[in-house]
Amino acid sequence: MRRSVHSAIFWTILAVFTVLVGLQTVQIAFYTSGLAALAFATVGVLVTGASIYLLYDLHWTG
């Protein structure tokens, strides 16, 4: 299934933005303590990983 150019651009911009949000969430984890730090780090890693997978799926799979 071919994607339109507009769709690819939209999802690429969204994925790049969410990578940055995920990295920011991991950074916040370094400045908090306790269970909140673990939660921020976990959410950040999950969001970043999902966004990187979306970029991979958009650009490097057929």
N, C-alpha and C. Protein backbone atom coordinates (compact mmCIF):
# COMPACT_ATOMS: atom_id res chain seq x y z
N MET A 1 0.85 -1.18 0.00
CA MET A 1 0.00 0.00 0.00
C MET A 1 0.89 1.25 0.00
N ARG A 2 0.68 2.12 -0.94
CA ARG A 2 1.47 3.34 -1.05
C ARG A 2 0.86 4.45 -0.19
N ARG A 3 1.72 5.15 0.47
CA ARG A 3 1.27 6.28 1.28
C ARG A 3 1.41 7.56 0.46
N SER A 4 0.55 8.49 0.73
CA SER A 4 0.68 9.77 0.05
C SER A 4 1.83 10.55 0.66
N VAL A 5 2.34 11.49 -0.09
CA VAL A 5 3.45 12.31 0.38
C VAL A 5 3.04 13.12 1.60
N HIS A 6 1.83 13.66 1.58
CA HIS A 6 1.37 14.47 2.71
C HIS A 6 1.27 13.62 3.98
N SER A 7 0.80 12.41 3.84
CA SER A 7 0.69 11.52 4.99
C SER A 7 2.06 11.19 5.56
N ALA A 8 3.01 10.89 4.69
CA ALA A 8 4.36 10.58 5.15
C ALA A 8 5.01 11.77 5.87
N ILE A 9 4.82 12.96 5.32
CA ILE A 9 5.37 14.16 5.96
C ILE A 9 4.73 14.38 7.32
N PHE A 10 3.40 14.26 7.38
CA PHE A 10 2.69 14.47 8.64
C PHE A 10 3.18 13.50 9.72
N TRP A 11 3.24 12.21 9.40
CA TRP A 11 3.64 11.21 10.39
C TRP A 11 5.10 11.33 10.76
N THR A 12 5.94 11.76 9.83
CA THR A 12 7.35 11.97 10.14
C THR A 12 7.52 13.11 11.13
N ILE A 13 6.85 14.22 10.89
CA ILE A 13 6.93 15.37 11.80
C ILE A 13 6.39 14.98 13.17
N LEU A 14 5.28 14.27 13.21
CA LEU A 14 4.70 13.84 14.48
C LEU A 14 5.64 12.90 15.22
N ALA A 15 6.26 11.97 14.52
CA ALA A 15 7.18 11.02 15.16
C ALA A 15 8.42 11.72 15.70
N VAL A 16 8.97 12.66 14.94
CA VAL A 16 10.15 13.40 15.41
C VAL A 16 9.79 14.21 16.66
N PHE A 17 8.63 14.85 16.64
CA PHE A 17 8.19 15.62 17.80
C PHE A 17 8.04 14.72 19.02
N THR A 18 7.45 13.55 18.85
CA THR A 18 7.25 12.67 20.01
C THR A 18 8.55 12.05 20.49
N VAL A 19 9.55 11.89 19.62
CA VAL A 19 10.88 11.48 20.08
C VAL A 19 11.42 12.54 21.04
N LEU A 20 11.27 13.79 20.66
CA LEU A 20 11.75 14.88 21.53
C LEU A 20 11.00 14.92 22.85
N VAL A 21 9.68 14.69 22.80
CA VAL A 21 8.88 14.65 24.03
C VAL A 21 9.34 13.50 24.93
N GLY A 22 9.59 12.34 24.32
CA GLY A 22 10.07 11.20 25.10
C GLY A 22 11.41 11.46 25.74
N LEU A 23 12.32 12.07 24.99
CA LEU A 23 13.64 12.39 25.56
C LEU A 23 13.53 13.43 26.67
N GLN A 24 12.63 14.38 26.51
CA GLN A 24 12.41 15.38 27.56
C GLN A 24 11.86 14.71 28.82
N THR A 25 10.99 13.74 28.65
CA THR A 25 10.43 13.02 29.80
C THR A 25 11.52 12.25 30.53
N VAL A 26 12.44 11.64 29.80
CA VAL A 26 13.58 10.96 30.44
C VAL A 26 14.44 11.98 31.19
N GLN A 27 14.63 13.14 30.60
CA GLN A 27 15.43 14.18 31.26
C GLN A 27 14.75 14.63 32.55
N ILE A 28 13.44 14.75 32.55
CA ILE A 28 12.71 15.12 33.76
C ILE A 28 12.93 14.09 34.86
N ALA A 29 13.05 12.82 34.46
CA ALA A 29 13.26 11.74 35.44
C ALA A 29 14.54 11.95 36.23
N PHE A 30 15.54 12.56 35.62
CA PHE A 30 16.81 12.80 36.33
C PHE A 30 16.68 13.87 37.42
N TYR A 31 15.65 14.69 37.34
CA TYR A 31 15.48 15.77 38.30
C TYR A 31 14.38 15.50 39.32
N THR A 32 13.80 14.31 39.28
CA THR A 32 12.81 13.91 40.28
C THR A 32 13.37 12.73 41.06
N SER A 33 12.65 12.31 42.05
CA SER A 33 13.14 11.20 42.86
C SER A 33 12.02 10.22 43.14
N GLY A 34 12.40 9.05 43.55
CA GLY A 34 11.44 8.03 43.95
C GLY A 34 10.70 7.41 42.79
N LEU A 35 9.46 7.07 43.08
CA LEU A 35 8.61 6.39 42.11
C LEU A 35 8.32 7.28 40.89
N ALA A 36 8.25 8.58 41.10
CA ALA A 36 8.00 9.51 39.99
C ALA A 36 9.14 9.44 38.97
N ALA A 37 10.36 9.32 39.44
CA ALA A 37 11.50 9.23 38.52
C ALA A 37 11.41 7.96 37.69
N LEU A 38 11.06 6.87 38.31
CA LEU A 38 10.90 5.61 37.58
C LEU A 38 9.77 5.71 36.55
N ALA A 39 8.68 6.33 36.95
CA ALA A 39 7.54 6.48 36.03
C ALA A 39 7.91 7.37 34.84
N PHE A 40 8.56 8.49 35.10
CA PHE A 40 8.97 9.38 34.01
C PHE A 40 9.94 8.68 33.06
N ALA A 41 10.90 7.97 33.62
CA ALA A 41 11.88 7.27 32.79
C ALA A 41 11.21 6.20 31.94
N THR A 42 10.30 5.44 32.53
CA THR A 42 9.60 4.39 31.79
C THR A 42 8.76 4.96 30.66
N VAL A 43 7.99 5.98 30.97
CA VAL A 43 7.15 6.61 29.94
C VAL A 43 8.03 7.20 28.84
N GLY A 44 9.11 7.84 29.22
CA GLY A 44 10.01 8.43 28.22
C GLY A 44 10.61 7.40 27.29
N VAL A 45 11.05 6.29 27.85
CA VAL A 45 11.63 5.23 27.03
C VAL A 45 10.58 4.62 26.11
N LEU A 46 9.39 4.39 26.62
CA LEU A 46 8.32 3.82 25.78
C LEU A 46 7.91 4.75 24.65
N VAL A 47 7.75 6.03 24.95
CA VAL A 47 7.36 7.01 23.92
C VAL A 47 8.46 7.14 22.87
N THR A 48 9.70 7.23 23.31
CA THR A 48 10.82 7.35 22.38
C THR A 48 10.93 6.10 21.50
N GLY A 49 10.83 4.94 22.12
CA GLY A 49 10.91 3.69 21.35
C GLY A 49 9.80 3.56 20.33
N ALA A 50 8.58 3.89 20.72
CA ALA A 50 7.45 3.80 19.79
C ALA A 50 7.62 4.78 18.64
N SER A 51 8.12 5.96 18.92
CA SER A 51 8.31 6.97 17.88
C SER A 51 9.40 6.56 16.90
N ILE A 52 10.48 6.00 17.42
CA ILE A 52 11.56 5.53 16.54
C ILE A 52 11.06 4.38 15.68
N TYR A 53 10.26 3.50 16.26
CA TYR A 53 9.69 2.41 15.46
C TYR A 53 8.77 2.95 14.37
N LEU A 54 7.99 3.97 14.67
CA LEU A 54 7.13 4.58 13.66
C LEU A 54 7.96 5.16 12.52
N LEU A 55 9.05 5.85 12.86
CA LEU A 55 9.93 6.38 11.81
C LEU A 55 10.51 5.26 10.97
N TYR A 56 10.94 4.18 11.62
CA TYR A 56 11.48 3.03 10.90
C TYR A 56 10.42 2.45 9.96
N ASP A 57 9.22 2.26 10.48
CA ASP A 57 8.15 1.68 9.69
C ASP A 57 7.76 2.58 8.51
N LEU A 58 7.80 3.88 8.71
CA LEU A 58 7.43 4.81 7.65
C LEU A 58 8.46 4.83 6.51
N HIS A 59 9.74 4.76 6.86
CA HIS A 59 10.78 5.06 5.87
C HIS A 59 11.62 3.87 5.43
N TRP A 60 11.64 2.79 6.20
CA TRP A 60 12.54 1.70 5.84
C TRP A 60 11.86 0.36 5.63
N THR A 61 10.55 0.36 5.58
CA THR A 61 9.84 -0.87 5.22
C THR A 61 8.98 -0.58 3.99
N GLY A 62 8.70 -1.59 3.26
CA GLY A 62 8.00 -1.43 2.00
C GLY A 62 6.54 -1.28 2.18
